Amino acid sequence: MSHEHIKGSVLPILFFVIIISLVYMGVQSTLKETRREQTVFLQKAIKRAAVQCYAIEGMYPPDIKYLEENYGILINHQQYSIHYEVFASNMMPDIYIIEKTGGE
């Protein structure tokens, strides 16, 4: 094989690998951003439900399970870890959501 023939067959393969790599990186970036947005959306939904509970019942929910059972909050507990800490029934609880690794 001549040097020109090898060069001619390596360049298309290299170009293909670069294109595939760029597409893969773009998809991974999009998935990461989507997961981040889902986490933010879930946190807002939980806070909104807690405020709704306070408006209706005069107290913030005692735990996240109460919101799930009474206010229709759906949480994928395999994907998310929820930190829900109540100081008093008339104070907004601290709510933090952490995405678990490998939770998809």
C-alpha atoms as a PDB file:
ATOM      1  CA  MET A   1       0.000   0.000   0.000  1.00  0.00           C
ATOM      2  CA  SER A   2       1.210   3.436  -0.792  1.00  0.00           C
ATOM      3  CA  HIS A   3       1.509   6.268   1.646  1.00  0.00           C
ATOM      4  CA  GLU A   4      -1.206   8.175  -0.237  1.00  0.00           C
ATOM      5  CA  HIS A   5      -3.632   5.234  -0.017  1.00  0.00           C
ATOM      6  CA  ILE A   6      -3.131   4.909   3.766  1.00  0.00           C
ATOM      7  CA  LYS A   7      -3.513   8.664   4.209  1.00  0.00           C
ATOM      8  CA  GLY A   8      -6.666   8.569   2.083  1.00  0.00           C
ATOM      9  CA  SER A   9      -8.320   5.868   4.208  1.00  0.00           C
ATOM     10  CA  VAL A  10      -7.232   7.173   7.637  1.00  0.00           C
ATOM     11  CA  LEU A  11      -8.588  10.698   7.183  1.00  0.00           C
ATOM     12  CA  PRO A  12     -12.232   9.664   6.647  1.00  0.00           C
ATOM     13  CA  ILE A  13     -12.046   7.331   9.649  1.00  0.00           C
ATOM     14  CA  LEU A  14     -10.495  10.056  11.796  1.00  0.00           C
ATOM     15  CA  PHE A  15     -13.136  12.530  10.626  1.00  0.00           C
ATOM     16  CA  PHE A  16     -15.897  10.012  11.472  1.00  0.00           C
ATOM     17  CA  VAL A  17     -14.469   9.413  14.960  1.00  0.00           C
ATOM     18  CA  ILE A  18     -14.285  13.165  15.623  1.00  0.00           C
ATOM     19  CA  ILE A  19     -17.884  13.694  14.478  1.00  0.00           C
ATOM     20  CA  ILE A  20     -19.148  10.783  16.600  1.00  0.00           C
ATOM     21  CA  SER A  21     -17.224  12.134  19.610  1.00  0.00           C
ATOM     22  CA  LEU A  22     -18.729  15.603  19.186  1.00  0.00           C
ATOM     23  CA  VAL A  23     -22.246  14.163  18.890  1.00  0.00           C
ATOM     24  CA  TYR A  24     -21.690  12.031  21.998  1.00  0.00           C
ATOM     25  CA  MET A  25     -20.435  15.019  24.000  1.00  0.00           C
ATOM     26  CA  GLY A  26     -23.451  17.058  22.872  1.00  0.00           C
ATOM     27  CA  VAL A  27     -25.893  14.340  23.921  1.00  0.00           C
ATOM     28  CA  GLN A  28     -24.185  13.938  27.306  1.00  0.00           C
ATOM     29  CA  SER A  29     -24.298  17.695  27.881  1.00  0.00           C
ATOM     30  CA  THR A  30     -27.998  17.792  27.006  1.00  0.00           C
ATOM     31  CA  LEU A  31     -28.765  14.880  29.338  1.00  0.00           C
ATOM     32  CA  LYS A  32     -26.867  16.536  32.188  1.00  0.00           C
ATOM     33  CA  GLU A  33     -28.765  19.801  31.705  1.00  0.00           C
ATOM     34  CA  THR A  34     -32.083  17.927  31.536  1.00  0.00           C
ATOM     35  CA  ARG A  35     -31.348  16.141  34.815  1.00  0.00           C
ATOM     36  CA  ARG A  36     -30.433  19.451  36.441  1.00  0.00           C
ATOM     37  CA  GLU A  37     -33.679  21.008  35.234  1.00  0.00           C
ATOM     38  CA  GLN A  38     -35.679  18.027  36.541  1.00  0.00           C
ATOM     39  CA  THR A  39     -34.062  18.445  39.960  1.00  0.00           C
ATOM     40  CA  VAL A  40     -34.894  22.170  40.033  1.00  0.00           C
ATOM     41  CA  PHE A  41     -38.463  21.435  38.897  1.00  0.00           C
ATOM     42  CA  LEU A  42     -38.913  18.830  41.642  1.00  0.00           C
ATOM     43  CA  GLN A  43     -37.588  21.192  44.303  1.00  0.00           C
ATOM     44  CA  LYS A  44     -39.991  23.926  43.161  1.00  0.00           C
ATOM     45  CA  ALA A  45     -42.905  21.453  43.139  1.00  0.00           C
ATOM     46  CA  ILE A  46     -42.120  20.338  46.689  1.00  0.00           C
ATOM     47  CA  LYS A  47     -41.861  23.937  47.928  1.00  0.00           C
ATOM     48  CA  ARG A  48     -45.092  24.867  46.148  1.00  0.00           C
ATOM     49  CA  ALA A  49     -46.895  21.915  47.729  1.00  0.00           C
ATOM     50  CA  ALA A  50     -45.497  22.804  51.167  1.00  0.00           C
ATOM     51  CA  VAL A  51     -46.787  26.375  50.822  1.00  0.00           C
ATOM     52  CA  GLN A  52     -50.149  25.062  49.608  1.00  0.00           C
ATOM     53  CA  CYS A  53     -50.313  22.799  52.668  1.00  0.00           C
ATOM     54  CA  TYR A  54     -49.540  25.774  54.911  1.00  0.00           C
ATOM     55  CA  ALA A  55     -52.266  27.857  53.251  1.00  0.00           C
ATOM     56  CA  ILE A  56     -54.862  25.094  53.557  1.00  0.00           C
ATOM     57  CA  GLU A  57     -53.950  23.489  56.880  1.00  0.00           C
ATOM     58  CA  GLY A  58     -52.166  26.311  58.717  1.00  0.00           C
ATOM     59  CA  MET A  59     -48.942  24.327  59.078  1.00  0.00           C
ATOM     60  CA  TYR A  60     -46.116  23.117  56.913  1.00  0.00           C
ATOM     61  CA  PRO A  61     -46.068  19.367  56.281  1.00  0.00           C
ATOM     62  CA  PRO A  62     -44.172  17.368  58.899  1.00  0.00           C
ATOM     63  CA  ASP A  63     -42.261  15.338  56.288  1.00  0.00           C
ATOM     64  CA  ILE A  64     -41.952  14.634  52.589  1.00  0.00           C
ATOM     65  CA  LYS A  65     -44.130  11.523  52.863  1.00  0.00           C
ATOM     66  CA  TYR A  66     -47.025  13.749  53.949  1.00  0.00           C
ATOM     67  CA  LEU A  67     -46.687  15.746  50.721  1.00  0.00           C
ATOM     68  CA  GLU A  68     -46.573  12.549  48.686  1.00  0.00           C
ATOM     69  CA  GLU A  69     -49.679  11.136  50.352  1.00  0.00           C
ATOM     70  CA  ASN A  70     -51.785  14.305  50.527  1.00  0.00           C
ATOM     71  CA  TYR A  71     -50.582  16.705  47.831  1.00  0.00           C
ATOM     72  CA  GLY A  72     -49.754  14.502  44.870  1.00  0.00           C
ATOM     73  CA  ILE A  73     -45.996  14.957  44.902  1.00  0.00           C
ATOM     74  CA  LEU A  74     -44.320  12.121  43.006  1.00  0.00           C
ATOM     75  CA  ILE A  75     -40.678  11.463  43.795  1.00  0.00           C
ATOM     76  CA  ASN A  76     -38.433   8.884  42.216  1.00  0.00           C
ATOM     77  CA  HIS A  77     -36.621   7.838  45.398  1.00  0.00           C
ATOM     78  CA  GLN A  78     -34.228   5.702  43.366  1.00  0.00           C
ATOM     79  CA  GLN A  79     -33.059   8.822  41.525  1.00  0.00           C
ATOM     80  CA  TYR A  80     -33.323  11.490  44.236  1.00  0.00           C
ATOM     81  CA  SER A  81     -32.419  11.856  47.870  1.00  0.00           C
ATOM     82  CA  ILE A  82     -34.596  14.461  49.604  1.00  0.00           C
ATOM     83  CA  HIS A  83     -33.447  16.428  52.618  1.00  0.00           C
ATOM     84  CA  TYR A  84     -36.585  17.849  54.263  1.00  0.00           C
ATOM     85  CA  GLU A  85     -35.991  19.440  57.650  1.00  0.00           C
ATOM     86  CA  VAL A  86     -38.758  21.093  59.678  1.00  0.00           C
ATOM     87  CA  PHE A  87     -37.905  23.549  62.451  1.00  0.00           C
ATOM     88  CA  ALA A  88     -41.472  24.481  63.389  1.00  0.00           C
ATOM     89  CA  SER A  89     -44.888  23.956  61.841  1.00  0.00           C
ATOM     90  CA  ASN A  90     -45.127  27.668  60.972  1.00  0.00           C
ATOM     91  CA  MET A  91     -41.666  27.967  59.355  1.00  0.00           C
ATOM     92  CA  MET A  92     -40.824  26.901  55.812  1.00  0.00           C
ATOM     93  CA  PRO A  93     -38.809  23.671  55.977  1.00  0.00           C
ATOM     94  CA  ASP A  94     -35.341  23.393  54.482  1.00  0.00           C
ATOM     95  CA  ILE A  95     -35.645  21.371  51.285  1.00  0.00           C
ATOM     96  CA  TYR A  96     -32.643  20.057  49.376  1.00  0.00           C
ATOM     97  CA  ILE A  97     -32.668  17.567  46.561  1.00  0.00           C
ATOM     98  CA  ILE A  98     -29.640  15.523  45.618  1.00  0.00           C
ATOM     99  CA  GLU A  99     -29.569  13.371  42.528  1.00  0.00           C
ATOM    100  CA  LYS A 100     -28.218   9.935  43.286  1.00  0.00           C
ATOM    101  CA  THR A 101     -25.562   8.612  40.961  1.00  0.00           C
ATOM    102  CA  GLY A 102     -26.751   5.839  38.692  1.00  0.00           C
ATOM    103  CA  GLY A 103     -30.408   6.614  39.428  1.00  0.00           C
ATOM    104  CA  GLU A 104     -31.617   6.423  35.858  1.00  0.00           C
END
